[in-house]
PDB file of N, CA and C in Angstrom:
ATOM      1  N   MET A   1    -161.704 168.753-198.167  1.00  0.00           N
ATOM      2  CA  MET A   1    -160.639 168.062-197.471  1.00  0.00           C
ATOM      3  C   MET A   1    -161.071 166.610-197.281  1.00  0.00           C
ATOM      4  N   THR A   2    -160.183 165.687-197.569  1.00  0.00           N
ATOM      5  CA  THR A   2    -160.519 164.283-197.428  1.00  0.00           C
ATOM      6  C   THR A   2    -160.559 163.886-195.960  1.00  0.00           C
ATOM      7  N   ASP A   3    -161.233 162.779-195.672  1.00  0.00           N
ATOM      8  CA  ASP A   3    -161.323 162.301-194.290  1.00  0.00           C
ATOM      9  C   ASP A   3    -159.949 162.010-193.715  1.00  0.00           C
ATOM     10  N   LEU A   4    -159.067 161.425-194.519  1.00  0.00           N
ATOM     11  CA  LEU A   4    -157.720 161.103-194.046  1.00  0.00           C
ATOM     12  C   LEU A   4    -156.950 162.364-193.678  1.00  0.00           C
ATOM     13  N   ALA A   5    -157.058 163.399-194.493  1.00  0.00           N
ATOM     14  CA  ALA A   5    -156.369 164.652-194.214  1.00  0.00           C
ATOM     15  C   ALA A   5    -156.887 165.282-192.928  1.00  0.00           C
ATOM     16  N   VAL A   6    -158.195 165.244-192.728  1.00  0.00           N
ATOM     17  CA  VAL A   6    -158.795 165.804-191.518  1.00  0.00           C
ATOM     18  C   VAL A   6    -158.341 165.015-190.298  1.00  0.00           C
ATOM     19  N   GLU A   7    -158.356 163.688-190.404  1.00  0.00           N
ATOM     20  CA  GLU A   7    -157.936 162.840-189.280  1.00  0.00           C
ATOM     21  C   GLU A   7    -156.473 163.094-188.910  1.00  0.00           C
ATOM     22  N   GLU A   8    -155.610 163.201-189.904  1.00  0.00           N
ATOM     23  CA  GLU A   8    -154.187 163.452-189.637  1.00  0.00           C
ATOM     24  C   GLU A   8    -153.982 164.808-188.970  1.00  0.00           C
ATOM     25  N   LYS A   9    -154.645 165.816-189.485  1.00  0.00           N
ATOM     26  CA  LYS A   9    -154.482 167.153-188.918  1.00  0.00           C
ATOM     27  C   LYS A   9    -155.007 167.196-187.486  1.00  0.00           C
ATOM     28  N   LEU A  10    -156.141 166.570-187.231  1.00  0.00           N
ATOM     29  CA  LEU A  10    -156.701 166.525-185.892  1.00  0.00           C
ATOM     30  C   LEU A  10    -155.782 165.754-184.942  1.00  0.00           C
ATOM     31  N   ALA A  11    -155.231 164.645-185.392  1.00  0.00           N
ATOM     32  CA  ALA A  11    -154.300 163.864-184.566  1.00  0.00           C
ATOM     33  C   ALA A  11    -153.057 164.683-184.236  1.00  0.00           C
ATOM     34  N   ASP A  12    -152.571 165.443-185.194  1.00  0.00           N
ATOM     35  CA  ASP A  12    -151.396 166.295-184.958  1.00  0.00           C
ATOM     36  C   ASP A  12    -151.682 167.332-183.877  1.00  0.00           C
ATOM     37  N   ILE A  13    -152.880 167.893-183.890  1.00  0.00           N
ATOM     38  CA  ILE A  13    -153.249 168.909-182.903  1.00  0.00           C
ATOM     39  C   ILE A  13    -153.435 168.289-181.522  1.00  0.00           C
ATOM     40  N   LEU A  14    -154.168 167.197-181.468  1.00  0.00           N
ATOM     41  CA  LEU A  14    -154.493 166.585-180.182  1.00  0.00           C
ATOM     42  C   LEU A  14    -153.321 165.867-179.531  1.00  0.00           C
ATOM     43  N   GLN A  15    -152.402 165.336-180.330  1.00  0.00           N
ATOM     44  CA  GLN A  15    -151.308 164.539-179.786  1.00  0.00           C
ATOM     45  C   GLN A  15    -149.954 165.198-179.983  1.00  0.00           C
ATOM     46  N   SER A  16    -149.933 166.495-180.141  1.00  0.00           N
ATOM     47  CA  SER A  16    -148.695 167.177-180.496  1.00  0.00           C
ATOM     48  C   SER A  16    -147.579 166.979-179.483  1.00  0.00           C
ATOM     49  N   GLY A  17    -147.872 166.904-178.190  1.00  0.00           N
ATOM     50  CA  GLY A  17    -146.821 166.759-177.200  1.00  0.00           C
ATOM     51  C   GLY A  17    -146.669 165.353-176.671  1.00  0.00           C
ATOM     52  N   SER A  18    -147.581 164.462-177.031  1.00  0.00           N
ATOM     53  CA  SER A  18    -147.584 163.149-176.413  1.00  0.00           C
ATOM     54  C   SER A  18    -146.812 162.088-177.180  1.00  0.00           C
ATOM     55  N   GLN A  19    -146.506 162.311-178.408  1.00  0.00           N
ATOM     56  CA  GLN A  19    -145.756 161.322-179.174  1.00  0.00           C
ATOM     57  C   GLN A  19    -145.030 161.998-180.328  1.00  0.00           C
ATOM     58  N   ALA A  20    -143.982 161.342-180.763  1.00  0.00           N
ATOM     59  CA  ALA A  20    -143.237 161.881-181.902  1.00  0.00           C
ATOM     60  C   ALA A  20    -144.093 161.777-183.160  1.00  0.00           C
ATOM     61  N   GLN A  21    -144.103 162.828-183.930  1.00  0.00           N
ATOM     62  CA  GLN A  21    -144.879 162.834-185.161  1.00  0.00           C
ATOM     63  C   GLN A  21    -144.051 162.268-186.301  1.00  0.00           C
ATOM     64  N   LYS A  22    -144.753 161.703-187.255  1.00  0.00           N
ATOM     65  CA  LYS A  22    -144.081 161.309-188.484  1.00  0.00           C
ATOM     66  C   LYS A  22    -143.769 162.591-189.256  1.00  0.00           C
ATOM     67  N   PHE A  23    -142.645 162.595-189.907  1.00  0.00           N
ATOM     68  CA  PHE A  23    -142.222 163.736-190.700  1.00  0.00           C
ATOM     69  C   PHE A  23    -143.043 163.757-191.987  1.00  0.00           C
ATOM     70  N   LYS A  24    -143.784 164.840-192.229  1.00  0.00           N
ATOM     71  CA  LYS A  24    -144.630 164.970-193.413  1.00  0.00           C
ATOM     72  C   LYS A  24    -144.409 166.330-194.052  1.00  0.00           C
ATOM     73  N   ILE A  25    -144.490 166.347-195.354  1.00  0.00           N
ATOM     74  CA  ILE A  25    -144.384 167.581-196.125  1.00  0.00           C
ATOM     75  C   ILE A  25    -145.666 167.750-196.928  1.00  0.00           C
ATOM     76  N   THR A  26    -146.234 168.955-196.878  1.00  0.00           N
ATOM     77  CA  THR A  26    -147.400 169.284-197.689  1.00  0.00           C
ATOM     78  C   THR A  26    -146.992 170.309-198.727  1.00  0.00           C
ATOM     79  N   LEU A  27    -147.330 170.049-199.971  1.00  0.00           N
ATOM     80  CA  LEU A  27    -147.127 171.025-201.046  1.00  0.00           C
ATOM     81  C   LEU A  27    -148.471 171.656-201.361  1.00  0.00           C
ATOM     82  N   VAL A  28    -148.479 172.985-201.420  1.00  0.00           N
ATOM     83  CA  VAL A  28    -149.681 173.751-201.758  1.00  0.00           C
ATOM     84  C   VAL A  28    -149.329 174.611-202.964  1.00  0.00           C
ATOM     85  N   PHE A  29    -150.126 174.505-204.014  1.00  0.00           N
ATOM     86  CA  PHE A  29    -149.865 175.310-205.214  1.00  0.00           C
ATOM     87  C   PHE A  29    -151.176 175.743-205.835  1.00  0.00           C
ATOM     88  N   GLY A  30    -151.107 176.860-206.533  1.00  0.00           N
ATOM     89  CA  GLY A  30    -152.294 177.422-207.161  1.00  0.00           C
ATOM     90  C   GLY A  30    -152.299 177.211-208.669  1.00  0.00           C
ATOM     91  N   TYR A  31    -153.315 177.760-209.293  1.00  0.00           N
ATOM     92  CA  TYR A  31    -153.474 177.660-210.739  1.00  0.00           C
ATOM     93  C   TYR A  31    -152.342 178.386-211.456  1.00  0.00           C
ATOM     94  N   LYS A  32    -151.846 177.773-212.494  1.00  0.00           N
ATOM     95  CA  LYS A  32    -150.807 178.386-213.329  1.00  0.00           C
ATOM     96  C   LYS A  32    -151.110 178.120-214.798  1.00  0.00           C
ATOM     97  N   ILE A  33    -150.811 179.102-215.622  1.00  0.00           N
ATOM     98  CA  ILE A  33    -150.863 178.878-217.065  1.00  0.00           C
ATOM     99  C   ILE A  33    -149.514 178.293-217.422  1.00  0.00           C
ATOM    100  N   SER A  34    -149.451 176.992-217.398  1.00  0.00           N
ATOM    101  CA  SER A  34    -148.201 176.281-217.613  1.00  0.00           C
ATOM    102  C   SER A  34    -148.519 174.899-218.167  1.00  0.00           C
ATOM    103  N   PRO A  35    -147.683 174.405-219.065  1.00  0.00           N
ATOM    104  CA  PRO A  35    -147.907 173.044-219.545  1.00  0.00           C
ATOM    105  C   PRO A  35    -147.738 171.996-218.433  1.00  0.00           C
ATOM    106  N   LYS A  36    -147.102 172.356-217.345  1.00  0.00           N
ATOM    107  CA  LYS A  36    -146.886 171.427-216.226  1.00  0.00           C
ATOM    108  C   LYS A  36    -148.077 171.372-215.266  1.00  0.00           C
ATOM    109  N   TYR A  37    -148.994 172.336-215.364  1.00  0.00           N
ATOM    110  CA  TYR A  37    -150.079 172.444-214.393  1.00  0.00           C
ATOM    111  C   TYR A  37    -150.966 171.196-214.370  1.00  0.00           C
ATOM    112  N   GLY A  38    -151.396 170.733-215.507  1.00  0.00           N
ATOM    113  CA  GLY A  38    -152.275 169.560-215.573  1.00  0.00           C
ATOM    114  C   GLY A  38    -151.631 168.331-214.966  1.00  0.00           C
ATOM    115  N   ARG A  39    -150.377 168.117-215.261  1.00  0.00           N
ATOM    116  CA  ARG A  39    -149.647 166.971-214.700  1.00  0.00           C
ATOM    117  C   ARG A  39    -149.483 167.120-213.185  1.00  0.00           C
ATOM    118  N   ALA A  40    -149.226 168.352-212.705  1.00  0.00           N
ATOM    119  CA  ALA A  40    -149.078 168.591-211.268  1.00  0.00           C
ATOM    120  C   ALA A  40    -150.374 168.270-210.531  1.00  0.00           C
ATOM    121  N   VAL A  41    -151.501 168.702-211.069  1.00  0.00           N
ATOM    122  CA  VAL A  41    -152.793 168.417-210.446  1.00  0.00           C
ATOM    123  C   VAL A  41    -153.056 166.914-210.453  1.00  0.00           C
ATOM    124  N   GLU A  42    -152.731 166.263-211.544  1.00  0.00           N
ATOM    125  CA  GLU A  42    -152.914 164.808-211.643  1.00  0.00           C
ATOM    126  C   GLU A  42    -152.095 164.072-210.569  1.00  0.00           C
ATOM    127  N   LEU A  43    -150.830 164.467-210.396  1.00  0.00           N
ATOM    128  CA  LEU A  43    -149.990 163.834-209.376  1.00  0.00           C
ATOM    129  C   LEU A  43    -150.522 164.099-207.967  1.00  0.00           C
ATOM    130  N   ALA A  44    -150.941 165.326-207.711  1.00  0.00           N
ATOM    131  CA  ALA A  44    -151.465 165.671-206.386  1.00  0.00           C
ATOM    132  C   ALA A  44    -152.743 164.894-206.084  1.00  0.00           C
ATOM    133  N   ARG A  45    -153.603 164.736-207.074  1.00  0.00           N
ATOM    134  CA  ARG A  45    -154.884 164.038-206.873  1.00  0.00           C
ATOM    135  C   ARG A  45    -154.692 162.559-206.547  1.00  0.00           C
ATOM    136  N   ARG A  46    -153.591 161.982-206.920  1.00  0.00           N
ATOM    137  CA  ARG A  46    -153.313 160.578-206.595  1.00  0.00           C
ATOM    138  C   ARG A  46    -153.099 160.371-205.100  1.00  0.00           C
ATOM    139  N   ASN A  47    -152.731 161.426-204.404  1.00  0.00           N
ATOM    140  CA  ASN A  47    -152.439 161.331-202.981  1.00  0.00           C
ATOM    141  C   ASN A  47    -153.745 161.260-202.192  1.00  0.00           C
ATOM    142  N   PRO A  48    -153.839 160.355-201.198  1.00  0.00           N
ATOM    143  CA  PRO A  48    -155.085 160.234-200.432  1.00  0.00           C
ATOM    144  C   PRO A  48    -155.431 161.473-199.603  1.00  0.00           C
ATOM    145  N   THR A  49    -154.472 162.354-199.343  1.00  0.00           N
ATOM    146  CA  THR A  49    -154.751 163.559-198.558  1.00  0.00           C
ATOM    147  C   THR A  49    -155.026 164.775-199.439  1.00  0.00           C
ATOM    148  N   TYR A  50    -155.144 164.571-200.729  1.00  0.00           N
ATOM    149  CA  TYR A  50    -155.354 165.685-201.668  1.00  0.00           C
ATOM    150  C   TYR A  50    -156.583 166.494-201.267  1.00  0.00           C
ATOM    151  N   LYS A  51    -156.448 167.809-201.358  1.00  0.00           N
ATOM    152  CA  LYS A  51    -157.611 168.675-201.205  1.00  0.00           C
ATOM    153  C   LYS A  51    -157.498 169.839-202.171  1.00  0.00           C
ATOM    154  N   GLU A  52    -158.652 170.370-202.515  1.00  0.00           N
ATOM    155  CA  GLU A  52    -158.747 171.485-203.456  1.00  0.00           C
ATOM    156  C   GLU A  52    -159.641 172.538-202.830  1.00  0.00           C
ATOM    157  N   GLU A  53    -159.163 173.775-202.828  1.00  0.00           N
ATOM    158  CA  GLU A  53    -159.942 174.881-202.279  1.00  0.00           C
ATOM    159  C   GLU A  53    -160.018 175.986-203.319  1.00  0.00           C
ATOM    160  N   GLY A  54    -161.163 176.624-203.404  1.00  0.00           N
ATOM    161  CA  GLY A  54    -161.343 177.706-204.360  1.00  0.00           C
ATOM    162  C   GLY A  54    -161.774 177.188-205.715  1.00  0.00           C
ATOM    163  N   THR A  55    -161.943 178.131-206.650  1.00  0.00           N
ATOM    164  CA  THR A  55    -162.344 177.776-208.008  1.00  0.00           C
ATOM    165  C   THR A  55    -161.604 178.650-209.004  1.00  0.00           C
ATOM    166  N   GLY A  56    -161.616 178.197-210.244  1.00  0.00           N
ATOM    167  CA  GLY A  56    -161.014 178.971-211.323  1.00  0.00           C
ATOM    168  C   GLY A  56    -159.558 179.287-211.077  1.00  0.00           C
ATOM    169  N   GLU A  57    -159.188 180.526-211.365  1.00  0.00           N
ATOM    170  CA  GLU A  57    -157.785 180.913-211.209  1.00  0.00           C
ATOM    171  C   GLU A  57    -157.386 181.109-209.752  1.00  0.00           C
ATOM    172  N   TRP A  58    -158.349 181.007-208.821  1.00  0.00           N
ATOM    173  CA  TRP A  58    -158.042 181.137-207.390  1.00  0.00           C
ATOM    174  C   TRP A  58    -158.004 179.778-206.683  1.00  0.00           C
ATOM    175  N   VAL A  59    -157.987 178.720-207.450  1.00  0.00           N
ATOM    176  CA  VAL A  59    -157.955 177.380-206.862  1.00  0.00           C
ATOM    177  C   VAL A  59    -156.576 177.099-206.259  1.00  0.00           C
ATOM    178  N   HIS A  60    -156.561 176.366-205.149  1.00  0.00           N
ATOM    179  CA  HIS A  60    -155.319 175.910-204.526  1.00  0.00           C
ATOM    180  C   HIS A  60    -155.419 174.414-204.288  1.00  0.00           C
ATOM    181  N   HIS A  61    -154.371 173.712-204.651  1.00  0.00           N
ATOM    182  CA  HIS A  61    -154.287 172.271-204.490  1.00  0.00           C
ATOM    183  C   HIS A  61    -153.270 171.972-203.401  1.00  0.00           C
ATOM    184  N   SER A  62    -153.524 170.939-202.615  1.00  0.00           N
ATOM    185  CA  SER A  62    -152.532 170.539-201.622  1.00  0.00           C
ATOM    186  C   SER A  62    -152.548 169.024-201.458  1.00  0.00           C
ATOM    187  N   ALA A  63    -151.392 168.491-201.136  1.00  0.00           N
ATOM    188  CA  ALA A  63    -151.236 167.062-200.868  1.00  0.00           C
ATOM    189  C   ALA A  63    -150.110 166.901-199.860  1.00  0.00           C
ATOM    190  N   THR A  64    -150.301 165.989-198.920  1.00  0.00           N
ATOM    191  CA  THR A  64    -149.328 165.750-197.861  1.00  0.00           C
ATOM    192  C   THR A  64    -148.644 164.413-198.099  1.00  0.00           C
ATOM    193  N   TYR A  65    -147.326 164.426-197.966  1.00  0.00           N
ATOM    194  CA  TYR A  65    -146.523 163.236-198.238  1.00  0.00           C
ATOM    195  C   TYR A  65    -145.697 162.845-197.021  1.00  0.00           C
ATOM    196  N   SER A  66    -145.680 161.561-196.739  1.00  0.00           N
ATOM    197  CA  SER A  66    -144.845 161.033-195.668  1.00  0.00           C
ATOM    198  C   SER A  66    -143.518 160.556-196.271  1.00  0.00           C
ATOM    199  N   THR A  67    -142.651 160.076-195.422  1.00  0.00           N
ATOM    200  CA  THR A  67    -141.350 159.585-195.904  1.00  0.00           C
ATOM    201  C   THR A  67    -141.510 158.372-196.807  1.00  0.00           C
ATOM    202  N   ASP A  68    -142.606 157.647-196.681  1.00  0.00           N
ATOM    203  CA  ASP A  68    -142.858 156.494-197.547  1.00  0.00           C
ATOM    204  C   ASP A  68    -143.273 156.912-198.959  1.00  0.00           C
ATOM    205  N   GLU A  69    -143.676 158.154-199.122  1.00  0.00           N
ATOM    206  CA  GLU A  69    -144.169 158.648-200.414  1.00  0.00           C
ATOM    207  C   GLU A  69    -143.230 159.668-201.033  1.00  0.00           C
ATOM    208  N   VAL A  70    -141.972 159.601-200.677  1.00  0.00           N
ATOM    209  CA  VAL A  70    -141.011 160.635-201.074  1.00  0.00           C
ATOM    210  C   VAL A  70    -140.828 160.718-202.597  1.00  0.00           C
ATOM    211  N   ASP A  71    -140.933 159.614-203.296  1.00  0.00           N
ATOM    212  CA  ASP A  71    -140.772 159.657-204.756  1.00  0.00           C
ATOM    213  C   ASP A  71    -141.902 160.452-205.414  1.00  0.00           C
ATOM    214  N   ASP A  72    -143.124 160.283-204.917  1.00  0.00           N
ATOM    215  CA  ASP A  72    -144.252 161.064-205.438  1.00  0.00           C
ATOM    216  C   ASP A  72    -144.084 162.547-205.115  1.00  0.00           C
ATOM    217  N   LEU A  73    -143.625 162.839-203.906  1.00  0.00           N
ATOM    218  CA  LEU A  73    -143.346 164.220-203.513  1.00  0.00           C
ATOM    219  C   LEU A  73    -142.295 164.834-204.423  1.00  0.00           C
ATOM    220  N   PHE A  74    -141.236 164.109-204.688  1.00  0.00           N
ATOM    221  CA  PHE A  74    -140.159 164.583-205.548  1.00  0.00           C
ATOM    222  C   PHE A  74    -140.677 164.906-206.952  1.00  0.00           C
ATOM    223  N   ASP A  75    -141.509 164.016-207.496  1.00  0.00           N
ATOM    224  CA  ASP A  75    -142.066 164.240-208.837  1.00  0.00           C
ATOM    225  C   ASP A  75    -142.929 165.501-208.882  1.00  0.00           C
ATOM    226  N   LEU A  76    -143.776 165.684-207.875  1.00  0.00           N
ATOM    227  CA  LEU A  76    -144.629 166.874-207.841  1.00  0.00           C
ATOM    228  C   LEU A  76    -143.797 168.138-207.638  1.00  0.00           C
ATOM    229  N   TRP A  77    -142.836 168.085-206.734  1.00  0.00           N
ATOM    230  CA  TRP A  77    -141.985 169.251-206.463  1.00  0.00           C
ATOM    231  C   TRP A  77    -141.269 169.703-207.732  1.00  0.00           C
ATOM    232  N   ASN A  78    -140.797 168.770-208.531  1.00  0.00           N
ATOM    233  CA  ASN A  78    -140.090 169.125-209.762  1.00  0.00           C
ATOM    234  C   ASN A  78    -140.980 169.836-210.766  1.00  0.00           C
ATOM    235  N   LEU A  79    -142.285 169.701-210.625  1.00  0.00           N
ATOM    236  CA  LEU A  79    -143.209 170.414-211.509  1.00  0.00           C
ATOM    237  C   LEU A  79    -143.571 171.800-210.983  1.00  0.00           C
ATOM    238  N   VAL A  80    -143.632 171.974-209.663  1.00  0.00           N
ATOM    239  CA  VAL A  80    -144.198 173.210-209.100  1.00  0.00           C
ATOM    240  C   VAL A  80    -143.196 174.114-208.386  1.00  0.00           C
ATOM    241  N   TYR A  81    -141.946 173.717-208.267  1.00  0.00           N
ATOM    242  CA  TYR A  81    -141.002 174.487-207.446  1.00  0.00           C
ATOM    243  C   TYR A  81    -140.726 175.886-207.973  1.00  0.00           C
ATOM    244  N   GLU A  82    -140.844 176.107-209.261  1.00  0.00           N
ATOM    245  CA  GLU A  82    -140.550 177.426-209.833  1.00  0.00           C
ATOM    246  C   GLU A  82    -141.708 178.409-209.683  1.00  0.00           C
ATOM    247  N   TRP A  83    -142.878 177.932-209.325  1.00  0.00           N
ATOM    248  CA  TRP A  83    -144.047 178.790-209.231  1.00  0.00           C
ATOM    249  C   TRP A  83    -143.962 179.588-207.942  1.00  0.00           C
ATOM    250  N   GLY A  84    -144.098 180.877-208.034  1.00  0.00           N
ATOM    251  CA  GLY A  84    -143.894 181.766-206.901  1.00  0.00           C
ATOM    252  C   GLY A  84    -144.807 181.547-205.709  1.00  0.00           C
ATOM    253  N   ASP A  85    -145.986 180.986-205.917  1.00  0.00           N
ATOM    254  CA  ASP A  85    -146.914 180.836-204.795  1.00  0.00           C
ATOM    255  C   ASP A  85    -146.921 179.432-204.198  1.00  0.00           C
ATOM    256  N   THR A  86    -146.001 178.567-204.587  1.00  0.00           N
ATOM    257  CA  THR A  86    -145.938 177.221-204.032  1.00  0.00           C
ATOM    258  C   THR A  86    -145.470 177.291-202.583  1.00  0.00           C
ATOM    259  N   GLU A  87    -146.212 176.633-201.699  1.00  0.00           N
ATOM    260  CA  GLU A  87    -145.866 176.608-200.281  1.00  0.00           C
ATOM    261  C   GLU A  87    -145.422 175.207-199.884  1.00  0.00           C
ATOM    262  N   VAL A  88    -144.466 175.143-198.961  1.00  0.00           N
ATOM    263  CA  VAL A  88    -144.011 173.886-198.383  1.00  0.00           C
ATOM    264  C   VAL A  88    -144.316 173.939-196.894  1.00  0.00           C
ATOM    265  N   LEU A  89    -145.200 173.052-196.447  1.00  0.00           N
ATOM    266  CA  LEU A  89    -145.566 172.983-195.040  1.00  0.00           C
ATOM    267  C   LEU A  89    -144.918 171.749-194.418  1.00  0.00           C
ATOM    268  N   VAL A  90    -144.419 171.891-193.215  1.00  0.00           N
ATOM    269  CA  VAL A  90    -143.802 170.772-192.501  1.00  0.00           C
ATOM    270  C   VAL A  90    -144.748 170.382-191.375  1.00  0.00           C
ATOM    271  N   ASN A  91    -145.221 169.155-191.411  1.00  0.00           N
ATOM    272  CA  ASN A  91    -146.226 168.674-190.449  1.00  0.00           C
ATOM    273  C   ASN A  91    -147.390 169.653-190.326  1.00  0.00           C
ATOM    274  N   HIS A  92    -147.880 170.094-191.480  1.00  0.00           N
ATOM    275  CA  HIS A  92    -149.040 170.983-191.616  1.00  0.00           C
ATOM    276  C   HIS A  92    -148.798 172.398-191.103  1.00  0.00           C
ATOM    277  N   LYS A  93    -147.530 172.782-190.928  1.00  0.00           N
ATOM    278  CA  LYS A  93    -147.222 174.126-190.430  1.00  0.00           C
ATOM    279  C   LYS A  93    -146.290 174.837-191.410  1.00  0.00           C
ATOM    280  N   ASN A  94    -146.528 176.117-191.563  1.00  0.00           N
ATOM    281  CA  ASN A  94    -145.662 176.935-192.400  1.00  0.00           C
ATOM    282  C   ASN A  94    -144.504 177.423-191.530  1.00  0.00           C
ATOM    283  N   ILE A  95    -143.368 176.759-191.647  1.00  0.00           N
ATOM    284  CA  ILE A  95    -142.225 177.121-190.816  1.00  0.00           C
ATOM    285  C   ILE A  95    -141.096 177.627-191.712  1.00  0.00           C
ATOM    286  N   PRO A  96    -140.162 178.379-191.145  1.00  0.00           N
ATOM    287  CA  PRO A  96    -139.070 178.930-191.951  1.00  0.00           C
ATOM    288  C   PRO A  96    -138.259 177.841-192.655  1.00  0.00           C
ATOM    289  N   TYR A  97    -137.783 178.175-193.818  1.00  0.00           N
ATOM    290  CA  TYR A  97    -136.893 177.327-194.614  1.00  0.00           C
ATOM    291  C   TYR A  97    -137.539 176.025-195.069  1.00  0.00           C
ATOM    292  N   GLY A  98    -138.838 176.023-195.256  1.00  0.00           N
ATOM    293  CA  GLY A  98    -139.538 174.813-195.692  1.00  0.00           C
ATOM    294  C   GLY A  98    -138.977 174.230-196.971  1.00  0.00           C
ATOM    295  N   SER A  99    -138.782 175.067-197.986  1.00  0.00           N
ATOM    296  CA  SER A  99    -138.311 174.544-199.266  1.00  0.00           C
ATOM    297  C   SER A  99    -136.796 174.450-199.361  1.00  0.00           C
ATOM    298  N   SER A 100    -136.078 175.231-198.568  1.00  0.00           N
ATOM    299  CA  SER A 100    -134.616 175.218-198.701  1.00  0.00           C
ATOM    300  C   SER A 100    -133.916 174.315-197.700  1.00  0.00           C
ATOM    301  N   PHE A 101    -134.593 173.915-196.620  1.00  0.00           N
ATOM    302  CA  PHE A 101    -133.955 173.048-195.633  1.00  0.00           C
ATOM    303  C   PHE A 101    -134.748 171.771-195.392  1.00  0.00           C
ATOM    304  N   TRP A 102    -136.021 171.912-195.003  1.00  0.00           N
ATOM    305  CA  TRP A 102    -136.815 170.747-194.629  1.00  0.00           C
ATOM    306  C   TRP A 102    -137.109 169.841-195.810  1.00  0.00           C
ATOM    307  N   LEU A 103    -137.469 170.413-196.935  1.00  0.00           N
ATOM    308  CA  LEU A 103    -137.773 169.592-198.110  1.00  0.00           C
ATOM    309  C   LEU A 103    -136.567 168.773-198.560  1.00  0.00           C
ATOM    310  N   PRO A 104    -135.368 169.362-198.661  1.00  0.00           N
ATOM    311  CA  PRO A 104    -134.208 168.538-199.041  1.00  0.00           C
ATOM    312  C   PRO A 104    -133.910 167.399-198.060  1.00  0.00           C
ATOM    313  N   LEU A 105    -134.306 167.544-196.796  1.00  0.00           N
ATOM    314  CA  LEU A 105    -134.127 166.425-195.864  1.00  0.00           C
ATOM    315  C   LEU A 105    -134.923 165.198-196.309  1.00  0.00           C
ATOM    316  N   MET A 106    -136.051 165.437-196.948  1.00  0.00           N
ATOM    317  CA  MET A 106    -136.864 164.320-197.438  1.00  0.00           C
ATOM    318  C   MET A 106    -136.144 163.532-198.526  1.00  0.00           C
ATOM    319  N   TRP A 107    -135.273 164.207-199.274  1.00  0.00           N
ATOM    320  CA  TRP A 107    -134.611 163.505-200.388  1.00  0.00           C
ATOM    321  C   TRP A 107    -133.723 162.366-199.890  1.00  0.00           C
ATOM    322  N   PHE A 108    -133.293 162.417-198.643  1.00  0.00           N
ATOM    323  CA  PHE A 108    -132.494 161.308-198.086  1.00  0.00           C
ATOM    324  C   PHE A 108    -133.299 160.010-198.070  1.00  0.00           C
ATOM    325  N   TYR A 109    -134.607 160.129-197.986  1.00  0.00           N
ATOM    326  CA  TYR A 109    -135.466 158.939-197.983  1.00  0.00           C
ATOM    327  C   TYR A 109    -135.593 158.310-199.375  1.00  0.00           C
ATOM    328  N   ARG A 110    -135.067 158.978-200.390  1.00  0.00           N
ATOM    329  CA  ARG A 110    -135.071 158.412-201.745  1.00  0.00           C
ATOM    330  C   ARG A 110    -133.948 157.402-201.926  1.00  0.00           C
ATOM    331  N   ILE A 111    -132.968 157.446-201.053  1.00  0.00           N
ATOM    332  CA  ILE A 111    -131.828 156.512-201.143  1.00  0.00           C
ATOM    333  C   ILE A 111    -132.281 155.161-200.645  1.00  0.00           C
ATOM    334  N   LYS A 112    -132.110 154.172-201.475  1.00  0.00           N
ATOM    335  CA  LYS A 112    -132.557 152.820-201.100  1.00  0.00           C
ATOM    336  C   LYS A 112    -131.437 151.830-201.184  1.00  0.00           C
TER     337      LYS A 112
END
C-alpha cells in the first residue's frame, strides 16, 4: 500500500464525523486471462494510491479515484466492469449499489 493510500484511509477513519469527505471510488480487480488485463494494470498503476496484494493468479489490484480523476476511473472501469470479481468501494467502504448507483454518479464529473 502506498503512503498516500495509507494516509487517506487513516484520515477517513480518524475524521469520519468531523468533516465532509471527498467523494472517492476505489476499483479492486483480480487477475484475468484477458487481453484487457495488461492495460487495466497499467492504468491502475498510474494512480498514486495504487496497491497490489497477493501473487500470481491470486493477485488483486486497487486504485482510488477522486472526482478530479474521473476520466482515468472511467477508462479503467471500461476495461474491468465485465469481470465478476471487480469491486467498487465508495470512500474505501463496500456499500450496496457501488457499481450501479454510486459509480454512475461519478460520470457527472466528466461533463465539462
